[in-house]
Amino acid sequence: MSQSTGTQVPQLSVIDSLNNAPISFFHLRAAFSAGMGFFTDAYDLFLIGSALVFIKPEWQLRDTRPQS
């Protein structure tokens, strides 16, 4: 059995450590990278719809789904 000295040392959780950490260049770089990844993904989806209007007649694309 271990004996308690009566003093409690506060245990910091990982979330508390992250919340209390100062913002560094790494945090800014990570946020920028995540933001640019989201931007390029969304821009790609937007651009496909716009470019398809011009590509469809040039490549003679047509709907090949069976008519029901």
C-alpha atoms as a PDB file:
ATOM      1  CA  MET A   1       0.000   0.000   0.000  1.00  0.00           C
ATOM      2  CA  SER A   2       1.209   3.471  -0.773  1.00  0.00           C
ATOM      3  CA  GLN A   3       0.761   6.284   1.647  1.00  0.00           C
ATOM      4  CA  SER A   4      -0.681   9.576   0.529  1.00  0.00           C
ATOM      5  CA  THR A   5       1.061  12.759   1.605  1.00  0.00           C
ATOM      6  CA  GLY A   6      -2.146  14.750   1.358  1.00  0.00           C
ATOM      7  CA  THR A   7      -0.984  16.994  -1.500  1.00  0.00           C
ATOM      8  CA  GLN A   8      -2.645  16.565  -4.832  1.00  0.00           C
ATOM      9  CA  VAL A   9      -0.673  17.322  -7.983  1.00  0.00           C
ATOM     10  CA  PRO A  10      -3.088  18.472 -10.693  1.00  0.00           C
ATOM     11  CA  GLN A  11      -3.005  16.214 -13.735  1.00  0.00           C
ATOM     12  CA  LEU A  12      -3.202  18.125 -16.990  1.00  0.00           C
ATOM     13  CA  SER A  13      -5.067  16.381 -19.741  1.00  0.00           C
ATOM     14  CA  VAL A  14      -3.928  16.508 -23.335  1.00  0.00           C
ATOM     15  CA  ILE A  15      -6.780  18.866 -24.212  1.00  0.00           C
ATOM     16  CA  ASP A  16      -5.814  21.248 -21.405  1.00  0.00           C
ATOM     17  CA  SER A  17      -2.212  21.211 -22.624  1.00  0.00           C
ATOM     18  CA  LEU A  18      -3.290  22.011 -26.175  1.00  0.00           C
ATOM     19  CA  ASN A  19      -5.649  24.765 -25.046  1.00  0.00           C
ATOM     20  CA  ASN A  20      -2.911  26.403 -22.981  1.00  0.00           C
ATOM     21  CA  ALA A  21      -0.153  26.092 -25.604  1.00  0.00           C
ATOM     22  CA  PRO A  22       0.994  29.360 -27.189  1.00  0.00           C
ATOM     23  CA  ILE A  23       0.341  29.799 -30.890  1.00  0.00           C
ATOM     24  CA  SER A  24       3.515  29.191 -32.859  1.00  0.00           C
ATOM     25  CA  PHE A  25       4.530  29.265 -36.495  1.00  0.00           C
ATOM     26  CA  PHE A  26       3.694  25.545 -36.710  1.00  0.00           C
ATOM     27  CA  HIS A  27       0.072  26.248 -35.764  1.00  0.00           C
ATOM     28  CA  LEU A  28      -0.231  28.969 -38.376  1.00  0.00           C
ATOM     29  CA  ARG A  29       1.363  26.765 -41.035  1.00  0.00           C
ATOM     30  CA  ALA A  30      -0.966  23.852 -40.171  1.00  0.00           C
ATOM     31  CA  ALA A  31      -4.049  26.085 -40.323  1.00  0.00           C
ATOM     32  CA  PHE A  32      -2.919  27.588 -43.629  1.00  0.00           C
ATOM     33  CA  SER A  33      -2.239  24.148 -45.123  1.00  0.00           C
ATOM     34  CA  ALA A  34      -5.638  22.835 -44.062  1.00  0.00           C
ATOM     35  CA  GLY A  35      -7.355  25.935 -45.411  1.00  0.00           C
ATOM     36  CA  MET A  36      -5.588  25.739 -48.757  1.00  0.00           C
ATOM     37  CA  GLY A  37      -6.443  22.045 -49.045  1.00  0.00           C
ATOM     38  CA  PHE A  38     -10.121  22.833 -48.520  1.00  0.00           C
ATOM     39  CA  PHE A  39      -9.941  25.758 -50.952  1.00  0.00           C
ATOM     40  CA  THR A  40      -8.327  23.751 -53.762  1.00  0.00           C
ATOM     41  CA  ASP A  41     -10.779  20.880 -53.303  1.00  0.00           C
ATOM     42  CA  ALA A  42     -13.795  23.198 -53.451  1.00  0.00           C
ATOM     43  CA  TYR A  43     -12.325  25.209 -56.340  1.00  0.00           C
ATOM     44  CA  ASP A  44     -11.709  22.000 -58.283  1.00  0.00           C
ATOM     45  CA  LEU A  45     -15.352  20.977 -57.929  1.00  0.00           C
ATOM     46  CA  PHE A  46     -16.500  24.431 -59.021  1.00  0.00           C
ATOM     47  CA  LEU A  47     -14.149  24.490 -61.990  1.00  0.00           C
ATOM     48  CA  ILE A  48     -15.197  21.076 -63.303  1.00  0.00           C
ATOM     49  CA  GLY A  49     -18.785  22.260 -63.716  1.00  0.00           C
ATOM     50  CA  SER A  50     -17.735  25.427 -65.510  1.00  0.00           C
ATOM     51  CA  ALA A  51     -15.162  23.754 -67.748  1.00  0.00           C
ATOM     52  CA  LEU A  52     -17.573  20.983 -68.734  1.00  0.00           C
ATOM     53  CA  VAL A  53     -19.736  23.527 -70.557  1.00  0.00           C
ATOM     54  CA  PHE A  54     -16.820  24.258 -72.918  1.00  0.00           C
ATOM     55  CA  ILE A  55     -15.371  20.741 -73.079  1.00  0.00           C
ATOM     56  CA  LYS A  56     -18.622  18.929 -73.887  1.00  0.00           C
ATOM     57  CA  PRO A  57     -19.083  20.262 -77.462  1.00  0.00           C
ATOM     58  CA  GLU A  58     -15.347  20.129 -78.206  1.00  0.00           C
ATOM     59  CA  TRP A  59     -15.060  16.439 -77.308  1.00  0.00           C
ATOM     60  CA  GLN A  60     -18.573  15.577 -78.570  1.00  0.00           C
ATOM     61  CA  LEU A  61     -19.636  14.233 -75.192  1.00  0.00           C
ATOM     62  CA  ARG A  62     -23.174  12.978 -74.873  1.00  0.00           C
ATOM     63  CA  ASP A  63     -25.337  11.231 -72.337  1.00  0.00           C
ATOM     64  CA  THR A  64     -24.961   7.436 -72.672  1.00  0.00           C
ATOM     65  CA  ARG A  65     -27.413   6.468 -69.932  1.00  0.00           C
ATOM     66  CA  PRO A  66     -30.262   4.218 -71.117  1.00  0.00           C
ATOM     67  CA  GLN A  67     -33.554   6.042 -71.490  1.00  0.00           C
ATOM     68  CA  SER A  68     -36.224   4.721 -69.132  1.00  0.00           C
END
